[in-house]
Protein backbone atom coordinates (compact mmCIF):
# COMPACT_ATOMS: atom_id res chain seq x y z
CA MET A 1 92.63 -36.24 0.96
CA ASN A 2 93.90 -37.84 4.13
CA GLN A 3 94.46 -35.72 7.18
CA GLU A 4 98.05 -34.50 7.27
CA LEU A 5 98.01 -32.09 10.21
CA PHE A 6 97.66 -33.22 13.80
CA GLY A 7 96.08 -30.98 16.41
CA MET A 8 95.20 -28.16 14.01
CA CYS A 9 92.79 -25.77 15.70
CA LYS A 10 89.32 -25.75 14.20
CA PRO A 11 87.95 -22.54 12.73
CA GLU A 12 85.22 -20.95 14.80
CA PHE A 13 81.86 -20.31 13.16
CA LEU A 14 82.31 -17.65 10.46
CA GLU A 15 85.90 -17.02 11.55
CA ALA A 16 87.87 -15.06 8.98
CA PRO A 17 90.66 -16.99 7.20
CA THR A 18 93.41 -14.68 8.44
CA SER A 19 92.23 -15.09 12.03
CA TRP A 20 92.13 -18.89 11.78
CA LEU A 21 95.49 -19.11 10.00
CA CYS A 22 97.14 -16.95 12.67
CA ARG A 23 95.89 -19.27 15.40
CA GLY A 24 96.71 -22.36 13.33
CA ALA A 25 100.27 -21.29 12.67
CA ALA A 26 100.82 -20.73 16.38
CA SER A 27 99.35 -24.15 17.25
CA GLN A 28 101.60 -25.91 14.71
CA GLY A 29 104.79 -24.02 15.45
CA LEU A 30 104.88 -22.68 11.90
CA SER A 31 105.17 -19.22 10.47
CA PHE A 32 102.06 -17.67 8.98
CA LYS A 33 103.64 -17.81 5.52
CA GLU A 34 104.65 -21.47 5.87
CA LEU A 35 101.14 -22.56 6.82
CA CYS A 36 99.55 -20.55 4.01
CA THR A 37 101.97 -22.03 1.47
CA TRP A 38 101.40 -25.60 2.66
CA LEU A 39 97.61 -25.22 2.57
CA GLY A 40 97.67 -23.54 -0.82
CA VAL A 41 96.46 -20.13 0.35
CA GLY A 42 98.08 -17.14 -1.34
CA ASN A 43 99.97 -15.26 1.36
CA ARG A 44 100.74 -12.07 -0.57
CA ASN A 45 98.88 -8.89 0.23
CA ASP A 46 95.37 -9.86 1.37
CA VAL A 47 94.98 -13.48 2.49
CA ASP A 48 91.24 -13.08 3.12
CA ALA A 49 90.67 -11.87 -0.44
CA ASN A 50 92.90 -14.66 -1.77
CA PHE A 51 90.62 -17.15 -0.03
CA ALA A 52 88.03 -16.51 -2.73
CA ASN A 53 90.25 -18.42 -5.21
CA THR A 54 91.52 -21.08 -2.79
CA ASP A 55 90.77 -24.80 -3.01
CA VAL A 56 88.98 -25.16 0.33
CA GLN A 57 88.46 -28.88 -0.27
CA LYS A 58 92.23 -29.31 -0.16
CA ILE A 59 92.44 -27.31 3.08
CA ALA A 60 89.63 -29.34 4.66
CA GLY A 61 91.33 -32.59 3.69
CA ARG A 62 94.74 -31.61 4.99
CA CYS A 63 93.30 -30.44 8.29
CA GLY A 64 90.75 -33.21 8.73
CA PHE A 65 87.79 -30.81 8.88
CA PRO A 66 84.45 -30.97 7.05
CA LEU A 67 84.14 -28.84 3.95
CA SER A 68 81.34 -26.90 5.65
CA SER A 69 83.99 -25.31 7.88
CA PHE A 70 85.08 -23.12 4.95
CA ASP A 71 82.49 -23.00 2.17
CA LEU A 72 80.33 -20.18 3.63
CA VAL A 73 83.34 -17.98 4.36
CA LYS A 74 84.66 -18.58 0.85
CA ARG A 75 81.29 -17.67 -0.66
CA ILE A 76 81.21 -14.40 1.28
CA PHE A 77 84.66 -13.39 0.02
CA CYS A 78 83.89 -14.58 -3.54
CA VAL A 79 80.89 -12.28 -3.73
CA GLY A 80 82.46 -9.48 -1.67
CA THR A 81 85.65 -9.20 -3.73
CA SER A 82 83.68 -9.16 -7.00
CA LEU A 83 81.47 -6.18 -6.10
CA GLN A 84 81.82 -3.04 -8.21
CA MET A 85 81.38 -0.47 -5.46
CA GLN A 86 82.57 3.12 -5.30
CA GLU A 87 84.22 2.60 -1.92
CA GLU A 88 86.51 -0.20 -0.82
CA VAL A 89 84.45 -3.06 0.59
CA LEU A 90 87.24 -4.69 2.59
CA LEU A 91 89.13 -2.85 5.32
CA ARG A 92 92.83 -2.52 4.54
CA ALA A 93 95.91 -0.76 5.85
CA GLU A 94 98.90 -0.68 3.50
CA LYS A 95 97.41 -3.61 1.51
CA MET A 96 97.20 -5.71 4.68
CA PRO A 97 93.93 -7.03 6.14
CA ARG A 98 92.57 -4.67 8.78
CA TYR A 99 89.75 -5.39 11.20
CA ARG A 100 87.32 -3.61 13.43
CA PHE A 101 86.22 -5.42 16.57
CA CYS A 102 83.56 -5.55 19.23
CA PRO A 103 85.26 -5.37 22.65
CA LEU A 104 82.41 -7.26 24.34
CA CYS A 105 82.57 -10.12 21.83
CA LEU A 106 86.34 -10.43 22.24
CA ARG A 107 85.93 -10.42 26.00
CA ASP A 108 83.28 -13.15 26.00
CA GLN A 109 84.65 -15.50 23.32
CA ALA A 110 85.94 -18.83 24.64
CA THR A 111 88.48 -18.76 21.79
CA PRO A 112 89.28 -15.17 20.81
CA ASN A 113 88.91 -14.80 17.06
CA PHE A 114 87.87 -12.31 14.39
CA PRO A 115 84.68 -13.18 12.47
CA VAL A 116 84.54 -12.56 8.75
CA HIS A 117 82.02 -9.70 9.03
CA TRP A 118 84.47 -7.63 11.12
CA ARG A 119 86.55 -7.30 7.97
CA PHE A 120 83.93 -5.47 5.91
CA ASN A 121 83.70 -1.69 5.87
CA PRO A 122 79.87 -1.42 6.08
CA TRP A 123 79.78 -3.52 9.27
CA ARG A 124 79.95 -0.72 11.85
CA MET A 125 77.86 -2.08 14.73
CA CYS A 126 77.81 -5.29 16.75
CA TYR A 127 74.28 -6.65 16.51
CA THR A 128 74.73 -8.85 19.58
CA HIS A 129 75.69 -6.05 21.97
CA GLU A 130 74.26 -3.03 20.09
CA CYS A 131 77.57 -1.15 20.30
CA LEU A 132 79.80 0.47 17.70
CA MET A 133 82.76 -1.44 16.35
CA GLU A 134 86.19 -0.25 17.48
CA ASP A 135 88.75 0.81 14.87
CA ARG A 136 92.01 0.79 16.82
CA CYS A 137 93.74 -0.59 19.89
CA PRO A 138 92.53 1.45 22.88
CA HIS A 139 96.04 1.48 24.36
CA CYS A 140 98.49 2.28 21.53
CA ARG A 141 95.99 3.40 18.83
CA ALA A 142 97.42 0.94 16.31
CA PRO A 143 95.04 -0.55 13.71
CA VAL A 144 94.27 -4.26 14.08
CA LEU A 145 96.33 -6.14 11.49
CA LEU A 146 96.24 -9.92 11.91
CA GLN A 147 98.54 -11.02 9.11
CA SER A 148 101.58 -11.31 11.37
CA PRO A 149 103.02 -14.09 13.56
CA MET A 150 101.59 -14.27 17.07
CA ASP A 151 104.94 -15.46 18.46
CA SER A 152 106.64 -12.23 17.42
CA GLY A 153 103.86 -9.77 18.28
CA GLY A 154 103.52 -7.60 21.35
CA PRO A 155 106.13 -5.39 23.01
CA GLN A 156 109.71 -6.15 21.96
CA GLY A 157 108.48 -9.02 19.82
CA ARG A 158 107.96 -11.35 22.77
CA GLY A 159 104.73 -12.69 21.34
CA ILE A 160 101.05 -12.65 22.22
CA THR A 161 98.93 -15.53 23.51
CA PHE A 162 95.49 -14.62 22.15
CA LEU A 163 94.12 -12.67 19.21
CA SER A 164 92.29 -10.51 21.72
CA GLN A 165 95.68 -8.88 22.39
CA CYS A 166 97.07 -6.05 20.27
CA SER A 167 99.88 -7.34 18.06
CA CYS A 168 101.76 -4.05 18.63
CA CYS A 169 101.56 -3.35 22.36
CA GLY A 170 100.17 -6.65 23.66
CA GLY A 171 97.33 -4.92 25.52
CA LEU A 172 93.88 -6.47 25.70
CA LEU A 173 91.76 -4.98 22.92
CA TRP A 174 88.53 -5.41 24.83
CA LYS A 175 89.64 -3.20 27.73
CA THR A 176 87.75 -0.14 26.59
CA THR A 177 84.34 1.37 27.24
CA PRO A 178 81.92 0.42 24.44
CA VAL A 179 79.82 3.05 22.69
CA PHE A 180 76.26 1.76 22.88
CA VAL A 181 74.02 2.93 20.05
CA GLU A 182 71.02 3.47 22.32
CA SER A 183 73.08 5.90 24.41
CA LEU A 184 73.64 8.25 21.45
CA PRO A 185 71.11 11.12 21.25
CA PRO A 186 69.57 12.13 17.89
CA SER A 187 71.96 15.10 17.79
CA ARG A 188 74.87 12.66 17.55
CA LEU A 189 73.24 9.87 15.54
CA SER A 190 70.66 10.84 12.94
CA MET A 191 67.92 8.52 11.72
CA LEU A 192 69.83 8.08 8.46
CA ASP A 193 73.02 7.13 10.31
CA ALA A 194 71.05 4.66 12.43
CA ALA A 195 69.70 3.10 9.22
CA ARG A 196 73.24 2.86 7.84
CA LEU A 197 74.31 0.97 10.94
CA ARG A 198 71.43 -1.48 10.55
CA ASN A 199 72.15 -1.96 6.86
CA GLY A 200 75.55 -3.42 7.70
CA CYS A 201 73.73 -6.64 8.56
CA ALA A 202 71.77 -6.52 5.29
CA PHE A 203 75.03 -6.03 3.40
CA LEU A 204 76.65 -9.15 4.86
CA SER A 205 73.43 -11.14 4.53
CA ALA A 206 73.37 -10.38 0.81
CA LEU A 207 76.96 -11.63 0.46
CA ALA A 208 76.26 -14.80 2.43
CA HIS A 209 73.05 -15.73 0.60
CA GLY A 210 74.00 -14.41 -2.82
CA ARG A 211 70.67 -12.67 -3.27
CA MET A 212 68.64 -9.75 -1.96
CA THR A 213 65.24 -8.12 -2.43
CA ASN A 214 64.96 -4.58 -3.68
CA PRO A 215 61.83 -2.64 -4.72
CA PHE A 216 63.67 -1.08 -7.68
CA PHE A 217 64.46 -4.42 -9.35
CA LYS A 218 62.25 -7.47 -9.88
CA THR A 219 65.16 -9.87 -9.47
CA PRO A 220 68.14 -7.71 -8.47
CA SER A 221 71.61 -9.12 -8.39
CA VAL A 222 73.63 -8.56 -5.23
CA ASP A 223 75.91 -6.20 -7.15
CA GLN A 224 73.00 -4.12 -8.47
CA GLY A 225 71.20 -3.96 -5.16
CA LEU A 226 74.23 -2.98 -3.09
CA GLN A 227 75.35 -0.43 -5.68
CA LEU A 228 71.92 1.18 -5.42
CA MET A 229 72.07 1.24 -1.63
CA GLU A 230 75.50 2.88 -1.81
CA ARG A 231 74.28 5.44 -4.36
CA PHE A 232 71.44 6.48 -2.06
CA GLY A 233 73.80 6.74 0.92
CA LEU A 234 72.26 3.83 2.80
CA ILE A 235 75.55 2.10 3.59
CA ALA A 236 78.08 3.38 6.11
CA GLY A 237 81.20 4.43 4.22
CA ALA A 238 84.63 5.76 5.10
CA GLU A 239 83.16 9.11 6.20
CA PHE A 240 81.00 7.49 8.88
CA PRO A 241 82.32 8.48 12.35
CA THR A 242 84.32 5.95 14.31
CA ALA A 243 83.59 4.93 17.89
CA ASP A 244 86.41 7.25 19.05
CA GLU A 245 84.83 10.19 17.25
CA PHE A 246 81.50 9.52 18.94
CA ARG A 247 83.32 9.60 22.29
CA LYS A 248 84.48 13.18 21.71
CA PRO A 249 82.61 16.12 23.27
CA PHE A 250 79.59 17.20 21.27
CA GLU A 251 81.09 20.55 20.20
CA VAL A 252 84.25 18.91 18.82
CA PHE A 253 82.19 16.24 17.12
CA VAL A 254 80.01 18.80 15.31
CA LEU A 255 83.01 20.94 14.26
CA GLU A 256 84.88 17.97 12.78
CA ARG A 257 81.73 16.67 11.07
CA ASP A 258 81.06 20.06 9.45
CA ASN A 259 84.69 20.33 8.30
CA LEU A 260 84.46 16.87 6.76
CA HIS A 261 81.26 17.77 4.93
CA ARG A 262 82.88 20.90 3.47
CA GLU A 263 85.93 18.93 2.32
CA THR A 264 83.84 16.29 0.55
CA ARG A 265 81.66 18.75 -1.35
């Protein structure tokens, strides 16, 4: 197809579809829904999940970008949305895409954006900065939901300029003190929990490459291998403490952890 959009912002490497579409809609003076409709991306419920069934060749042609700008991200969501896991793989809040974020990455990015791996529940640690991912805005405590227009976000709907700003209060998401993994003593982070953090990278690698090695299967499928890791408790799930919980005093942390264990038995 011939290019039909002029000045459309390019997706950053491994940028999630929702993140790119938010920035693209702002650059084109369109609503998020209008841009999704014109590009053929389903805009109901979860746009990232819908991307698994989207014609990315059509999007690339209409934007004038190479197909390689989208094919890896599509493959990750194709495999990720097809997994038969006990826990939800994608982060959601009221059926809308929800993200965790690394404050140091958001601070240092030339173009603030949300990579695809920040959308997945097992990804709980930034492997660049060795810090825990943040779950909420440090200022207003709102979850990070990107599927909304940037021009109507922020306080009183006056809009936000960058995705590094909270769409609710407009505050800079990266203005918080990171929780570095190496600073957590064994009493706060067990060896098993540390392994779960590391396995977030293995989880996303399996989705990206469509294969994995596992000693229990000669040629395991991604679905089989990740199901086995989940069954043995080797993947961080919903019960894994958030960065805010690790910031709490040790006594409060232990009390809440013990209460959670009793409730889940």
